[in-house]
Amino acid sequence: MDYASAQTIQDRATKVLGEASALEGNSEIGTYYILLGEPQLESNKAAYNKAKNLLNKIPLKKEIIEEDAADDFAEELSIYMQDHGVTRSS
């Protein structure tokens, strides 16, 4: 969520919360993963933290992954998918 303004960060988090909330009660949803990147601008960091707090209100089993942990997450997900017979399509 590296956006140009604090308001854009908040708007995006609100949109994601709404979309995820619409999935509540869907038995096919497992874990809802959210990848976040901390903003470079110091002036947007407070909005980023507020957005993370908002995303924690998502009424699903969720995992928020910070951008600096994305490579590890991708590796874990790849292994999980291989272990469960999910293959890459070309």
Protein backbone atom coordinates (compact mmCIF):
# COMPACT_ATOMS: atom_id res chain seq x y z
CA MET A 1 0.00 0.00 0.00
CA ASP A 2 2.62 2.59 -0.90
CA TYR A 3 0.36 5.37 -2.01
CA ALA A 4 0.99 9.06 -2.50
CA SER A 5 -1.29 10.30 0.24
CA ALA A 6 -2.43 9.27 3.69
CA GLN A 7 -6.05 9.43 2.53
CA THR A 8 -5.38 7.01 -0.31
CA ILE A 9 -3.86 4.54 2.14
CA GLN A 10 -6.95 4.74 4.35
CA ASP A 11 -9.30 4.47 1.37
CA ARG A 12 -7.55 1.34 0.11
CA ALA A 13 -7.65 -0.31 3.54
CA THR A 14 -11.36 0.49 3.83
CA LYS A 15 -11.98 -1.04 0.41
CA VAL A 16 -10.07 -4.23 1.31
CA LEU A 17 -11.97 -4.48 4.60
CA GLY A 18 -15.27 -4.23 2.73
CA GLU A 19 -14.28 -6.78 0.11
CA ALA A 20 -13.02 -9.24 2.72
CA SER A 21 -16.09 -8.73 4.89
CA ALA A 22 -18.26 -9.70 1.92
CA LEU A 23 -16.52 -13.09 1.99
CA GLU A 24 -17.52 -13.76 5.60
CA GLY A 25 -19.52 -16.94 5.85
CA ASN A 26 -18.12 -18.40 2.63
CA SER A 27 -17.02 -21.90 3.60
CA GLU A 28 -14.53 -22.04 0.73
CA ILE A 29 -12.39 -19.24 2.15
CA GLY A 30 -9.40 -20.42 4.14
CA THR A 31 -6.86 -17.85 5.19
CA TYR A 32 -7.05 -14.36 3.70
CA TYR A 33 -3.53 -13.12 3.02
CA ILE A 34 -2.69 -9.44 2.83
CA LEU A 35 0.68 -8.21 1.62
CA LEU A 36 1.63 -4.74 2.86
CA GLY A 37 4.56 -2.48 2.14
CA GLU A 38 5.38 0.25 4.61
CA PRO A 39 5.35 3.67 2.95
CA GLN A 40 8.63 5.41 2.26
CA LEU A 41 7.29 8.81 3.26
CA GLU A 42 7.46 9.38 6.99
CA SER A 43 4.33 11.53 6.73
CA ASN A 44 2.31 8.48 5.60
CA LYS A 45 3.42 6.09 8.33
CA ALA A 46 0.69 7.07 10.80
CA ALA A 47 -1.94 6.44 8.11
CA TYR A 48 -0.27 3.11 7.32
CA ASN A 49 -0.50 2.05 10.97
CA LYS A 50 -4.17 3.09 11.08
CA ALA A 51 -4.76 1.09 7.90
CA LYS A 52 -3.16 -1.99 9.47
CA ASN A 53 -5.42 -1.61 12.49
CA LEU A 54 -8.41 -1.39 10.15
CA LEU A 55 -7.30 -4.51 8.28
CA ASN A 56 -7.06 -6.38 11.57
CA LYS A 57 -10.85 -5.96 11.80
CA ILE A 58 -11.37 -8.23 8.80
CA PRO A 59 -13.79 -10.91 10.08
CA LEU A 60 -11.92 -13.80 8.48
CA LYS A 61 -8.94 -15.87 9.40
CA LYS A 62 -6.21 -13.62 8.03
CA GLU A 63 -2.49 -13.14 7.90
CA ILE A 64 -0.88 -9.79 7.24
CA ILE A 65 2.52 -10.14 5.62
CA GLU A 66 4.90 -7.22 5.61
CA GLU A 67 6.73 -6.63 2.35
CA ASP A 68 10.10 -7.44 3.90
CA ALA A 69 8.78 -10.94 4.66
CA ALA A 70 7.29 -11.49 1.19
CA ASP A 71 10.11 -13.72 -0.09
CA ASP A 72 9.82 -16.04 2.92
CA PHE A 73 6.03 -16.12 2.55
CA ALA A 74 6.32 -16.94 -1.16
CA GLU A 75 8.68 -19.81 -0.39
CA GLU A 76 6.37 -21.20 2.33
CA LEU A 77 3.37 -20.90 0.02
CA SER A 78 5.21 -22.62 -2.80
CA ILE A 79 6.14 -25.54 -0.56
CA TYR A 80 2.58 -25.78 0.77
CA MET A 81 1.16 -25.84 -2.74
CA GLN A 82 3.61 -28.52 -3.87
CA ASP A 83 2.81 -30.62 -0.80
CA HIS A 84 -0.89 -30.37 -1.68
CA GLY A 85 -0.55 -31.23 -5.36
CA VAL A 86 -0.98 -27.73 -6.74
CA THR A 87 1.29 -27.22 -9.71
CA ARG A 88 2.25 -24.20 -11.73
CA SER A 89 0.61 -23.74 -15.08
CA SER A 90 2.70 -22.38 -17.93
